[in-house]
Amino acid sequence: MTVGSEAAPAERCPLIAAALAAGGEPAAGVLLALEWRHGARIPLPFVIERSGAIRADAFRLGELAIRALGAASLPTTPSDFTCVLASVLPEARGRLLALSATRRGADVTGTCRRVALHSLLAAAHRAEEARDAPAAAAVARALDALRYELPAGLERSLARLLRGAAAGADLAAGIVSGIGRGLPPAGPDLDGTPRLVLVAAIALATRCPCDRGG
């Protein structure tokens, strides 16, 4: 099932389950995902509590799934989760907008990164004017390493580079060798517009201990 216009691939049919537990609080869980054309996914887990509160909590969703495994199964279909899906869609939309904002870059908050970017942009202009292709390529690699905010440790390394009066090509080389290698591996390509898909939905009803009926 896809929350959108396209159907999900057959090999990725959503898991739909309902169960009746002997005790505890009833709840419903929904695992949505932002899915890109090449298959990359970012999970969006939600749990709807008995009070109606919605929590974006993967750990809580996992707990709910474990409880459901030990409970009696109930027949269910995706259409049974219409109200649950409607309740979490605004939250999912908010997560999508937040992701979109981060993909398009955020304000530069690190002082050292701001100074380094200013120096590198000036070096890029000089390399372009001089038609120095190797220098332009080195600066481009350094700019790529500074696309996002740096962890505290790498920010300190950048501060040491700047204190050493590194600028232009020297600064670019130091960033590529020292900062770029310390960055975590790049994530999957998230270009393009993702679709919102339903991965799993779980409803857990509970039976009062005093209810001895079938």
N, C-alpha and C. Protein backbone atom coordinates (compact mmCIF):
# COMPACT_ATOMS: atom_id res chain seq x y z
N MET A 1 0.85 -1.19 0.00
CA MET A 1 0.00 0.00 0.00
C MET A 1 0.88 1.24 0.00
N THR A 2 0.58 2.19 -0.83
CA THR A 2 1.31 3.43 -0.89
C THR A 2 0.41 4.57 -0.50
N VAL A 3 0.92 5.47 0.36
CA VAL A 3 0.17 6.67 0.68
C VAL A 3 0.52 7.67 -0.42
N GLY A 4 -0.11 7.55 -1.54
CA GLY A 4 0.22 8.36 -2.71
C GLY A 4 -0.41 7.74 -3.93
N SER A 5 0.14 8.09 -5.11
CA SER A 5 -0.51 7.66 -6.34
C SER A 5 0.04 6.37 -6.91
N GLU A 6 1.26 5.99 -6.52
CA GLU A 6 1.87 4.79 -7.10
C GLU A 6 1.71 3.61 -6.16
N ALA A 7 1.65 2.42 -6.74
CA ALA A 7 1.53 1.21 -5.94
C ALA A 7 2.91 0.76 -5.50
N ALA A 8 3.02 0.19 -4.31
CA ALA A 8 4.29 -0.32 -3.83
C ALA A 8 4.66 -1.58 -4.59
N PRO A 9 5.97 -1.84 -4.81
CA PRO A 9 6.39 -3.06 -5.48
C PRO A 9 5.89 -4.28 -4.73
N ALA A 10 5.62 -5.35 -5.48
CA ALA A 10 5.07 -6.55 -4.86
C ALA A 10 5.98 -7.10 -3.77
N GLU A 11 7.32 -6.97 -3.98
CA GLU A 11 8.24 -7.53 -3.02
C GLU A 11 8.30 -6.69 -1.73
N ARG A 12 7.62 -5.55 -1.72
CA ARG A 12 7.63 -4.70 -0.54
C ARG A 12 6.21 -4.46 -0.04
N CYS A 13 5.41 -5.48 -0.03
CA CYS A 13 4.06 -5.35 0.49
C CYS A 13 4.13 -5.04 1.99
N PRO A 14 3.27 -4.16 2.48
CA PRO A 14 3.34 -3.80 3.89
C PRO A 14 2.91 -4.94 4.79
N LEU A 15 3.46 -4.94 6.00
CA LEU A 15 3.08 -5.90 7.02
C LEU A 15 1.91 -5.31 7.81
N ILE A 16 0.78 -5.99 7.78
CA ILE A 16 -0.41 -5.53 8.49
C ILE A 16 -0.77 -6.58 9.54
N ALA A 17 -0.88 -6.17 10.79
CA ALA A 17 -1.15 -7.14 11.84
C ALA A 17 -2.01 -6.52 12.92
N ALA A 18 -2.82 -7.37 13.54
CA ALA A 18 -3.61 -6.97 14.70
C ALA A 18 -3.58 -8.12 15.69
N ALA A 19 -3.58 -7.79 16.96
CA ALA A 19 -3.49 -8.82 17.98
C ALA A 19 -4.27 -8.41 19.22
N LEU A 20 -4.63 -9.41 20.01
CA LEU A 20 -5.38 -9.21 21.25
C LEU A 20 -4.52 -9.71 22.40
N ALA A 21 -4.09 -8.78 23.25
CA ALA A 21 -3.24 -9.13 24.38
C ALA A 21 -4.08 -9.29 25.65
N ALA A 22 -3.53 -10.01 26.61
CA ALA A 22 -4.25 -10.29 27.85
C ALA A 22 -4.27 -9.08 28.78
N GLY A 23 -3.36 -8.16 28.62
CA GLY A 23 -3.31 -7.00 29.50
C GLY A 23 -2.42 -5.91 28.91
N GLY A 24 -2.22 -4.89 29.69
CA GLY A 24 -1.42 -3.78 29.21
C GLY A 24 -2.27 -2.75 28.49
N GLU A 25 -1.61 -1.73 27.98
CA GLU A 25 -2.32 -0.65 27.31
C GLU A 25 -2.48 -0.96 25.82
N PRO A 26 -3.67 -0.69 25.27
CA PRO A 26 -3.82 -0.85 23.81
C PRO A 26 -3.08 0.27 23.09
N ALA A 27 -2.65 0.00 21.88
CA ALA A 27 -1.92 1.00 21.09
C ALA A 27 -1.91 0.57 19.65
N ALA A 28 -1.57 1.48 18.80
CA ALA A 28 -1.41 1.19 17.37
C ALA A 28 -0.09 1.77 16.92
N GLY A 29 0.57 1.07 16.04
CA GLY A 29 1.85 1.54 15.52
C GLY A 29 1.84 1.55 14.01
N VAL A 30 2.48 2.54 13.46
CA VAL A 30 2.59 2.66 12.00
C VAL A 30 4.05 2.96 11.64
N LEU A 31 4.57 2.20 10.72
CA LEU A 31 5.90 2.49 10.18
C LEU A 31 5.75 2.94 8.74
N LEU A 32 5.92 4.24 8.53
CA LEU A 32 5.95 4.80 7.18
C LEU A 32 7.40 4.96 6.76
N ALA A 33 7.62 5.28 5.51
CA ALA A 33 8.98 5.53 5.03
C ALA A 33 8.93 6.49 3.86
N LEU A 34 9.93 7.33 3.79
CA LEU A 34 10.15 8.13 2.59
C LEU A 34 11.00 7.28 1.66
N GLU A 35 10.49 6.97 0.49
CA GLU A 35 11.17 6.06 -0.43
C GLU A 35 11.51 6.78 -1.72
N TRP A 36 12.78 6.66 -2.11
CA TRP A 36 13.23 7.26 -3.37
C TRP A 36 13.16 6.25 -4.50
N ARG A 37 13.24 6.74 -5.72
CA ARG A 37 13.06 5.90 -6.90
C ARG A 37 14.01 4.72 -6.93
N HIS A 38 15.26 4.92 -6.44
CA HIS A 38 16.25 3.83 -6.48
C HIS A 38 16.14 2.89 -5.28
N GLY A 39 15.16 3.12 -4.41
CA GLY A 39 14.92 2.17 -3.32
C GLY A 39 15.37 2.62 -1.94
N ALA A 40 16.14 3.71 -1.85
CA ALA A 40 16.58 4.19 -0.54
C ALA A 40 15.37 4.62 0.29
N ARG A 41 15.43 4.33 1.58
CA ARG A 41 14.31 4.66 2.46
C ARG A 41 14.79 5.33 3.74
N ILE A 42 13.98 6.26 4.23
CA ILE A 42 14.16 6.83 5.56
C ILE A 42 12.91 6.47 6.36
N PRO A 43 13.05 5.67 7.43
CA PRO A 43 11.87 5.23 8.18
C PRO A 43 11.27 6.35 9.01
N LEU A 44 9.95 6.32 9.14
CA LEU A 44 9.21 7.26 9.97
C LEU A 44 8.30 6.45 10.90
N PRO A 45 8.78 6.09 12.09
CA PRO A 45 7.97 5.26 13.00
C PRO A 45 7.06 6.11 13.89
N PHE A 46 5.83 5.65 14.07
CA PHE A 46 4.86 6.36 14.91
C PHE A 46 4.11 5.36 15.77
N VAL A 47 3.78 5.78 16.97
CA VAL A 47 2.94 5.00 17.87
C VAL A 47 1.80 5.89 18.35
N ILE A 48 0.58 5.39 18.27
CA ILE A 48 -0.58 6.12 18.75
C ILE A 48 -1.02 5.46 20.06
N GLU A 49 -0.95 6.24 21.14
CA GLU A 49 -1.28 5.71 22.45
C GLU A 49 -2.80 5.67 22.66
N ARG A 50 -3.20 5.05 23.74
CA ARG A 50 -4.63 4.95 24.06
C ARG A 50 -5.26 6.34 24.20
N SER A 51 -4.49 7.30 24.70
CA SER A 51 -5.00 8.66 24.89
C SER A 51 -5.15 9.42 23.58
N GLY A 52 -4.62 8.85 22.50
CA GLY A 52 -4.64 9.53 21.21
C GLY A 52 -3.36 10.28 20.91
N ALA A 53 -2.44 10.32 21.87
CA ALA A 53 -1.16 10.99 21.65
C ALA A 53 -0.33 10.23 20.61
N ILE A 54 0.35 10.97 19.77
CA ILE A 54 1.18 10.37 18.71
C ILE A 54 2.65 10.59 19.07
N ARG A 55 3.40 9.51 19.08
CA ARG A 55 4.82 9.59 19.40
C ARG A 55 5.64 9.07 18.22
N ALA A 56 6.61 9.86 17.79
CA ALA A 56 7.55 9.40 16.77
C ALA A 56 8.69 8.70 17.49
N ASP A 57 8.54 7.41 17.73
CA ASP A 57 9.43 6.68 18.62
C ASP A 57 9.66 5.28 18.09
N ALA A 58 10.83 5.05 17.50
CA ALA A 58 11.14 3.72 16.94
C ALA A 58 11.22 2.67 18.04
N PHE A 59 11.80 3.03 19.20
CA PHE A 59 11.92 2.06 20.29
C PHE A 59 10.55 1.62 20.78
N ARG A 60 9.65 2.58 20.92
CA ARG A 60 8.29 2.26 21.38
C ARG A 60 7.56 1.39 20.36
N LEU A 61 7.79 1.65 19.08
CA LEU A 61 7.17 0.84 18.04
C LEU A 61 7.71 -0.59 18.10
N GLY A 62 9.00 -0.74 18.36
CA GLY A 62 9.58 -2.07 18.50
C GLY A 62 8.99 -2.82 19.69
N GLU A 63 8.81 -2.12 20.80
CA GLU A 63 8.18 -2.74 21.98
C GLU A 63 6.77 -3.23 21.65
N LEU A 64 6.03 -2.40 20.92
CA LEU A 64 4.67 -2.77 20.54
C LEU A 64 4.67 -4.02 19.67
N ALA A 65 5.61 -4.10 18.74
CA ALA A 65 5.69 -5.27 17.87
C ALA A 65 6.02 -6.54 18.67
N ILE A 66 6.90 -6.41 19.65
CA ILE A 66 7.25 -7.57 20.49
C ILE A 66 6.04 -8.03 21.30
N ARG A 67 5.28 -7.08 21.83
CA ARG A 67 4.06 -7.45 22.56
C ARG A 67 3.08 -8.16 21.65
N ALA A 68 2.96 -7.69 20.41
CA ALA A 68 2.02 -8.30 19.47
C ALA A 68 2.41 -9.73 19.12
N LEU A 69 3.72 -10.01 19.11
CA LEU A 69 4.17 -11.37 18.78
C LEU A 69 3.67 -12.40 19.79
N GLY A 70 3.52 -11.98 21.04
CA GLY A 70 3.06 -12.92 22.07
C GLY A 70 1.57 -12.88 22.32
N ALA A 71 0.83 -12.19 21.46
CA ALA A 71 -0.62 -12.06 21.64
C ALA A 71 -1.36 -12.86 20.58
N ALA A 72 -2.66 -13.04 20.80
CA ALA A 72 -3.49 -13.78 19.84
C ALA A 72 -3.76 -12.91 18.62
N SER A 73 -3.53 -13.46 17.44
CA SER A 73 -3.71 -12.68 16.22
C SER A 73 -5.18 -12.48 15.90
N LEU A 74 -5.46 -11.36 15.24
CA LEU A 74 -6.82 -11.02 14.82
C LEU A 74 -6.79 -10.74 13.32
N PRO A 75 -7.87 -11.09 12.60
CA PRO A 75 -7.90 -10.77 11.17
C PRO A 75 -7.96 -9.26 10.96
N THR A 76 -7.23 -8.77 9.97
CA THR A 76 -7.22 -7.33 9.69
C THR A 76 -6.80 -7.08 8.25
N THR A 77 -7.08 -5.89 7.76
CA THR A 77 -6.70 -5.47 6.41
C THR A 77 -6.19 -4.04 6.49
N PRO A 78 -5.50 -3.56 5.46
CA PRO A 78 -5.02 -2.17 5.48
C PRO A 78 -6.13 -1.15 5.69
N SER A 79 -7.33 -1.43 5.19
CA SER A 79 -8.42 -0.46 5.34
C SER A 79 -8.80 -0.24 6.80
N ASP A 80 -8.48 -1.21 7.67
CA ASP A 80 -8.78 -1.05 9.09
C ASP A 80 -7.93 0.05 9.73
N PHE A 81 -6.88 0.47 9.05
CA PHE A 81 -5.95 1.44 9.62
C PHE A 81 -6.14 2.83 9.02
N THR A 82 -7.27 3.07 8.37
CA THR A 82 -7.51 4.36 7.72
C THR A 82 -7.41 5.52 8.70
N CYS A 83 -8.07 5.40 9.85
CA CYS A 83 -8.05 6.49 10.84
C CYS A 83 -6.66 6.67 11.44
N VAL A 84 -5.97 5.55 11.65
CA VAL A 84 -4.62 5.63 12.20
C VAL A 84 -3.70 6.36 11.23
N LEU A 85 -3.79 6.01 9.97
CA LEU A 85 -2.95 6.67 8.96
C LEU A 85 -3.27 8.16 8.88
N ALA A 86 -4.55 8.48 8.90
CA ALA A 86 -4.94 9.89 8.82
C ALA A 86 -4.38 10.69 9.99
N SER A 87 -4.26 10.05 11.15
CA SER A 87 -3.77 10.77 12.33
C SER A 87 -2.27 11.03 12.28
N VAL A 88 -1.51 10.13 11.62
CA VAL A 88 -0.06 10.31 11.60
C VAL A 88 0.44 11.07 10.37
N LEU A 89 -0.39 11.22 9.35
CA LEU A 89 0.07 11.90 8.13
C LEU A 89 0.55 13.33 8.37
N PRO A 90 -0.13 14.13 9.22
CA PRO A 90 0.42 15.47 9.47
C PRO A 90 1.81 15.42 10.08
N GLU A 91 2.04 14.46 10.99
CA GLU A 91 3.37 14.32 11.59
C GLU A 91 4.39 13.90 10.52
N ALA A 92 4.00 12.99 9.64
CA ALA A 92 4.90 12.54 8.58
C ALA A 92 5.23 13.70 7.64
N ARG A 93 4.25 14.52 7.35
CA ARG A 93 4.49 15.67 6.48
C ARG A 93 5.50 16.62 7.13
N GLY A 94 5.39 16.82 8.45
CA GLY A 94 6.35 17.67 9.15
C GLY A 94 7.76 17.13 9.06
N ARG A 95 7.90 15.80 9.17
CA ARG A 95 9.23 15.19 9.05
C ARG A 95 9.78 15.35 7.64
N LEU A 96 8.89 15.25 6.64
CA LEU A 96 9.31 15.43 5.25
C LEU A 96 9.80 16.85 5.01
N LEU A 97 9.08 17.84 5.56
CA LEU A 97 9.50 19.23 5.39
C LEU A 97 10.84 19.49 6.08
N ALA A 98 11.03 18.88 7.25
CA ALA A 98 12.30 19.05 7.96
C ALA A 98 13.45 18.45 7.17
N LEU A 99 13.21 17.27 6.59
CA LEU A 99 14.24 16.64 5.77
C LEU A 99 14.55 17.49 4.55
N SER A 100 13.52 18.02 3.92
CA SER A 100 13.72 18.86 2.74
C SER A 100 14.57 20.07 3.08
N ALA A 101 14.35 20.66 4.26
CA ALA A 101 15.13 21.83 4.66
C ALA A 101 16.60 21.47 4.85
N THR A 102 16.87 20.31 5.46
CA THR A 102 18.27 19.93 5.68
C THR A 102 18.97 19.58 4.38
N ARG A 103 18.24 18.99 3.43
CA ARG A 103 18.86 18.64 2.14
C ARG A 103 19.24 19.88 1.35
N ARG A 104 18.54 20.96 1.57
CA ARG A 104 18.83 22.19 0.84
C ARG A 104 19.83 23.07 1.57
N GLY A 105 20.42 22.53 2.62
CA GLY A 105 21.43 23.27 3.35
C GLY A 105 20.82 24.09 4.48
N ALA A 106 21.60 24.31 5.49
CA ALA A 106 21.14 25.09 6.64
C ALA A 106 22.07 26.27 6.82
N ASP A 107 21.65 27.19 7.68
CA ASP A 107 22.49 28.33 7.97
C ASP A 107 23.81 27.87 8.56
N VAL A 108 24.89 28.54 8.19
CA VAL A 108 26.21 28.20 8.72
C VAL A 108 26.32 28.75 10.13
N THR A 109 26.45 27.87 11.11
CA THR A 109 26.52 28.32 12.50
C THR A 109 27.94 28.24 13.06
N GLY A 110 28.76 27.32 12.58
CA GLY A 110 30.13 27.19 13.09
C GLY A 110 31.00 28.34 12.59
N THR A 111 31.63 29.07 13.53
CA THR A 111 32.45 30.22 13.16
C THR A 111 33.60 29.80 12.25
N CYS A 112 34.28 28.72 12.62
CA CYS A 112 35.43 28.27 11.83
C CYS A 112 34.99 27.86 10.42
N ARG A 113 33.87 27.17 10.35
CA ARG A 113 33.38 26.76 9.03
C ARG A 113 33.03 27.96 8.18
N ARG A 114 32.44 29.00 8.80
CA ARG A 114 32.08 30.20 8.05
C ARG A 114 33.32 30.88 7.48
N VAL A 115 34.37 30.99 8.31
CA VAL A 115 35.63 31.62 7.87
C VAL A 115 36.27 30.80 6.76
N ALA A 116 36.26 29.46 6.94
CA ALA A 116 36.87 28.59 5.93
C ALA A 116 36.12 28.67 4.61
N LEU A 117 34.79 28.70 4.66
CA LEU A 117 34.01 28.78 3.42
C LEU A 117 34.29 30.10 2.70
N HIS A 118 34.40 31.18 3.45
CA HIS A 118 34.70 32.48 2.84
C HIS A 118 36.05 32.44 2.13
N SER A 119 37.05 31.86 2.80
CA SER A 119 38.38 31.76 2.21
C SER A 119 38.39 30.87 0.97
N LEU A 120 37.66 29.75 1.04
CA LEU A 120 37.63 28.82 -0.09
C LEU A 120 36.91 29.41 -1.29
N LEU A 121 35.84 30.15 -1.05
CA LEU A 121 35.13 30.77 -2.17
C LEU A 121 36.02 31.80 -2.86
N ALA A 122 36.78 32.56 -2.07
CA ALA A 122 37.72 33.51 -2.67
C ALA A 122 38.79 32.76 -3.48
N ALA A 123 39.28 31.63 -2.94
CA ALA A 123 40.27 30.84 -3.67
C ALA A 123 39.69 30.26 -4.95
N ALA A 124 38.41 29.88 -4.91
CA ALA A 124 37.77 29.35 -6.12
C ALA A 124 37.70 30.42 -7.21
N HIS A 125 37.38 31.65 -6.81
CA HIS A 125 37.34 32.74 -7.80
C HIS A 125 38.72 32.99 -8.40
N ARG A 126 39.75 32.95 -7.54
CA ARG A 126 41.11 33.17 -8.06
C ARG A 126 41.52 32.06 -9.01
N ALA A 127 41.18 30.82 -8.67
CA ALA A 127 41.54 29.70 -9.53
C ALA A 127 40.81 29.79 -10.87
N GLU A 128 39.55 30.23 -10.82
CA GLU A 128 38.80 30.37 -12.06
C GLU A 128 39.39 31.46 -12.95
N GLU A 129 39.76 32.59 -12.33
CA GLU A 129 40.35 33.68 -13.11
C GLU A 129 41.68 33.28 -13.72
N ALA A 130 42.47 32.48 -12.97
CA ALA A 130 43.77 32.03 -13.47
C ALA A 130 43.66 30.80 -14.35
N ARG A 131 42.45 30.28 -14.48
CA ARG A 131 42.22 29.05 -15.24
C ARG A 131 43.11 27.91 -14.75
N ASP A 132 43.21 27.84 -13.43
CA ASP A 132 44.02 26.81 -12.78
C ASP A 132 43.09 25.65 -12.42
N ALA A 133 42.98 24.68 -13.32
CA ALA A 133 42.04 23.57 -13.11
C ALA A 133 42.37 22.72 -11.90
N PRO A 134 43.66 22.36 -11.65
CA PRO A 134 43.95 21.56 -10.46
C PRO A 134 43.58 22.28 -9.16
N ALA A 135 43.87 23.59 -9.09
CA ALA A 135 43.52 24.33 -7.87
C ALA A 135 42.01 24.41 -7.71
N ALA A 136 41.29 24.63 -8.81
CA ALA A 136 39.84 24.70 -8.75
C ALA A 136 39.25 23.37 -8.28
N ALA A 137 39.83 22.26 -8.75
CA ALA A 137 39.34 20.94 -8.34
C ALA A 137 39.60 20.70 -6.85
N ALA A 138 40.77 21.13 -6.36
CA ALA A 138 41.09 20.95 -4.95
C ALA A 138 40.15 21.76 -4.07
N VAL A 139 39.87 23.00 -4.48
CA VAL A 139 38.95 23.83 -3.71
C VAL A 139 37.54 23.24 -3.73
N ALA A 140 37.12 22.70 -4.87
CA ALA A 140 35.80 22.08 -4.97
C ALA A 140 35.67 20.91 -4.02
N ARG A 141 36.73 20.10 -3.89
CA ARG A 141 36.70 18.97 -2.96
C ARG A 141 36.61 19.46 -1.52
N ALA A 142 37.31 20.55 -1.22
CA ALA A 142 37.26 21.09 0.14
C ALA A 142 35.88 21.66 0.45
N LEU A 143 35.29 22.36 -0.51
CA LEU A 143 33.94 22.89 -0.31
C LEU A 143 32.93 21.77 -0.09
N ASP A 144 33.13 20.67 -0.81
CA ASP A 144 32.22 19.53 -0.64
C ASP A 144 32.31 18.96 0.76
N ALA A 145 33.54 18.96 1.34
CA ALA A 145 33.73 18.44 2.70
C ALA A 145 33.08 19.33 3.75
N LEU A 146 32.84 20.60 3.40
CA LEU A 146 32.26 21.54 4.35
C LEU A 146 30.80 21.85 4.04
N ARG A 147 30.13 20.96 3.32
CA ARG A 147 28.73 21.23 2.95
C ARG A 147 27.83 21.35 4.17
N TYR A 148 28.11 20.58 5.22
CA TYR A 148 27.24 20.55 6.39
C TYR A 148 28.04 20.92 7.63
N GLU A 149 27.33 21.18 8.71
CA GLU A 149 27.99 21.49 9.98
C GLU A 149 28.89 20.31 10.39
N LEU A 150 30.01 20.64 11.01
CA LEU A 150 30.99 19.62 11.39
C LEU A 150 30.79 19.17 12.83
N PRO A 151 31.11 17.90 13.12
CA PRO A 151 31.15 17.48 14.53
C PRO A 151 32.18 18.31 15.29
N ALA A 152 32.04 18.34 16.61
CA ALA A 152 32.91 19.21 17.42
C ALA A 152 34.40 18.92 17.19
N GLY A 153 34.76 17.65 17.09
CA GLY A 153 36.17 17.30 16.91
C GLY A 153 36.74 17.84 15.60
N LEU A 154 35.96 17.72 14.52
CA LEU A 154 36.43 18.23 13.22
C LEU A 154 36.41 19.75 13.18
N GLU A 155 35.48 20.36 13.92
CA GLU A 155 35.47 21.83 14.01
C GLU A 155 36.76 22.32 14.67
N ARG A 156 37.22 21.59 15.68
CA ARG A 156 38.48 21.98 16.34
C ARG A 156 39.66 21.79 15.39
N SER A 157 39.63 20.73 14.59
CA SER A 157 40.70 20.52 13.62
C SER A 157 40.72 21.65 12.60
N LEU A 158 39.56 22.09 12.19
CA LEU A 158 39.48 23.20 11.25
C LEU A 158 40.01 24.48 11.89
N ALA A 159 39.72 24.68 13.16
CA ALA A 159 40.24 25.86 13.87
C ALA A 159 41.76 25.85 13.89
N ARG A 160 42.36 24.68 14.08
CA ARG A 160 43.83 24.59 14.09
C ARG A 160 44.40 24.94 12.71
N LEU A 161 43.71 24.48 11.66
CA LEU A 161 44.15 24.82 10.31
C LEU A 161 44.13 26.33 10.08
N LEU A 162 43.08 26.96 10.53
CA LEU A 162 42.95 28.40 10.33
C LEU A 162 43.95 29.17 11.19
N ARG A 163 44.22 28.68 12.39
CA ARG A 163 45.22 29.35 13.24
C ARG A 163 46.61 29.26 12.64
N GLY A 164 46.82 28.21 11.83
CA GLY A 164 48.11 28.06 11.15
C GLY A 164 48.22 28.93 9.91
N ALA A 165 47.30 29.87 9.77
CA ALA A 165 47.31 30.82 8.66
C ALA A 165 47.15 30.13 7.31
N ALA A 166 46.53 28.95 7.32
CA ALA A 166 46.29 28.27 6.05
C ALA A 166 45.22 29.01 5.27
N ALA A 167 45.44 29.16 3.99
CA ALA A 167 44.46 29.84 3.13
C ALA A 167 44.60 29.30 1.73
N GLY A 168 43.55 29.52 0.92
CA GLY A 168 43.61 29.14 -0.48
C GLY A 168 43.88 27.67 -0.68
N ALA A 169 44.88 27.37 -1.51
CA ALA A 169 45.19 25.99 -1.86
C ALA A 169 45.64 25.19 -0.64
N ASP A 170 46.43 25.84 0.26
CA ASP A 170 46.89 25.14 1.46
C ASP A 170 45.72 24.77 2.36
N LEU A 171 44.77 25.68 2.50
CA LEU A 171 43.60 25.40 3.32
C LEU A 171 42.77 24.28 2.69
N ALA A 172 42.61 24.33 1.37
CA ALA A 172 41.84 23.29 0.67
C ALA A 172 42.48 21.93 0.87
N ALA A 173 43.83 21.86 0.72
CA ALA A 173 44.53 20.58 0.89
C ALA A 173 44.39 20.07 2.31
N GLY A 174 44.48 20.98 3.30
CA GLY A 174 44.35 20.56 4.69
C GLY A 174 42.96 20.05 5.02
N ILE A 175 41.94 20.69 4.44
CA ILE A 175 40.56 20.26 4.68
C ILE A 175 40.31 18.88 4.07
N VAL A 176 40.78 18.69 2.84
CA VAL A 176 40.55 17.40 2.17
C VAL A 176 41.25 16.27 2.90
N SER A 177 42.51 16.51 3.32
CA SER A 177 43.29 15.44 3.95
C SER A 177 42.91 15.23 5.42
N GLY A 178 42.60 16.33 6.12
CA GLY A 178 42.33 16.21 7.55
C GLY A 178 40.87 16.14 7.90
N ILE A 179 40.05 16.98 7.28
CA ILE A 179 38.62 17.04 7.62
C ILE A 179 37.84 16.01 6.82
N GLY A 180 38.08 16.00 5.49
CA GLY A 180 37.31 15.11 4.62
C GLY A 180 37.42 13.65 5.01
N ARG A 181 38.61 13.23 5.42
CA ARG A 181 38.80 11.82 5.78
C ARG A 181 38.14 11.47 7.11
N GLY A 182 37.87 12.48 7.93
CA GLY A 182 37.24 12.21 9.22
C GLY A 182 35.74 12.20 9.17
N LEU A 183 35.17 12.57 8.03
CA LEU A 183 33.71 12.59 7.91
C LEU A 183 33.17 11.17 7.76
N PRO A 184 31.96 10.92 8.24
CA PRO A 184 31.36 9.60 8.06
C PRO A 184 31.09 9.34 6.58
N PRO A 185 30.95 8.07 6.18
CA PRO A 185 30.66 7.77 4.77
C PRO A 185 29.39 8.47 4.31
N ALA A 186 29.39 8.86 3.07
CA ALA A 186 28.22 9.54 2.52
C ALA A 186 27.02 8.60 2.52
N GLY A 187 25.87 9.15 2.78
CA GLY A 187 24.65 8.37 2.77
C GLY A 187 24.17 8.14 1.35
N PRO A 188 23.05 7.47 1.18
CA PRO A 188 22.52 7.22 -0.16
C PRO A 188 22.11 8.51 -0.85
N ASP A 189 22.10 8.48 -2.17
CA ASP A 189 21.69 9.63 -2.96
C ASP A 189 20.20 9.89 -2.73
N LEU A 190 19.89 11.08 -2.23
CA LEU A 190 18.50 11.42 -1.94
C LEU A 190 17.99 12.52 -2.86
N ASP A 191 18.55 12.58 -4.06
CA ASP A 191 18.03 13.54 -5.03
C ASP A 191 16.66 13.08 -5.53
N GLY A 192 15.87 14.03 -5.94
CA GLY A 192 14.54 13.70 -6.43
C GLY A 192 13.51 13.79 -5.32
N THR A 193 12.29 13.51 -5.67
CA THR A 193 11.17 13.61 -4.73
C THR A 193 10.79 12.22 -4.23
N PRO A 194 10.80 12.00 -2.91
CA PRO A 194 10.43 10.69 -2.39
C PRO A 194 8.92 10.53 -2.34
N ARG A 195 8.47 9.30 -2.25
CA ARG A 195 7.06 9.04 -2.01
C ARG A 195 6.92 8.47 -0.60
N LEU A 196 5.77 8.65 -0.03
CA LEU A 196 5.50 8.17 1.31
C LEU A 196 4.82 6.82 1.21
N VAL A 197 5.45 5.80 1.78
CA VAL A 197 4.91 4.44 1.67
C VAL A 197 4.63 3.88 3.06
N LEU A 198 3.67 2.99 3.10
CA LEU A 198 3.35 2.27 4.32
C LEU A 198 4.19 0.99 4.36
N VAL A 199 4.99 0.84 5.40
CA VAL A 199 5.84 -0.34 5.57
C VAL A 199 5.16 -1.37 6.46
N ALA A 200 4.59 -0.91 7.57
CA ALA A 200 3.95 -1.83 8.50
C ALA A 200 2.94 -1.08 9.35
N ALA A 201 1.93 -1.80 9.80
CA ALA A 201 0.93 -1.25 10.71
C ALA A 201 0.52 -2.35 11.69
N ILE A 202 0.52 -2.00 12.96
CA ILE A 202 0.21 -2.97 14.00
C ILE A 202 -0.83 -2.37 14.94
N ALA A 203 -1.87 -3.09 15.22
CA ALA A 203 -2.86 -2.68 16.22
C ALA A 203 -2.87 -3.72 17.33
N LEU A 204 -2.77 -3.25 18.56
CA LEU A 204 -2.77 -4.17 19.69
C LEU A 204 -3.93 -3.80 20.61
N ALA A 205 -4.95 -4.65 20.59
CA ALA A 205 -6.07 -4.48 21.51
C ALA A 205 -5.77 -5.25 22.78
N THR A 206 -6.43 -4.90 23.86
CA THR A 206 -6.19 -5.60 25.12
C THR A 206 -7.52 -6.05 25.71
N ARG A 207 -7.44 -7.15 26.42
CA ARG A 207 -8.62 -7.71 27.08
C ARG A 207 -8.49 -7.49 28.58
N CYS A 208 -9.52 -6.99 29.15
CA CYS A 208 -9.52 -6.77 30.59
C CYS A 208 -9.37 -8.12 31.31
N PRO A 209 -8.54 -8.21 32.34
CA PRO A 209 -8.37 -9.48 33.06
C PRO A 209 -9.68 -10.06 33.58
N CYS A 210 -10.66 -9.18 33.86
CA CYS A 210 -11.94 -9.67 34.41
C CYS A 210 -12.87 -10.16 33.31
N ASP A 211 -12.47 -9.94 32.03
CA ASP A 211 -13.32 -10.38 30.92
C ASP A 211 -12.98 -11.81 30.60
N ARG A 212 -13.87 -12.73 30.97
CA ARG A 212 -13.61 -14.15 30.76
C ARG A 212 -14.34 -14.67 29.57
N GLY A 213 -14.97 -13.79 28.83
CA GLY A 213 -15.67 -14.25 27.65
C GLY A 213 -14.70 -14.58 26.55
N GLY A 214 -15.17 -15.23 25.46
CA GLY A 214 -14.30 -15.56 24.34
C GLY A 214 -13.88 -14.34 23.66
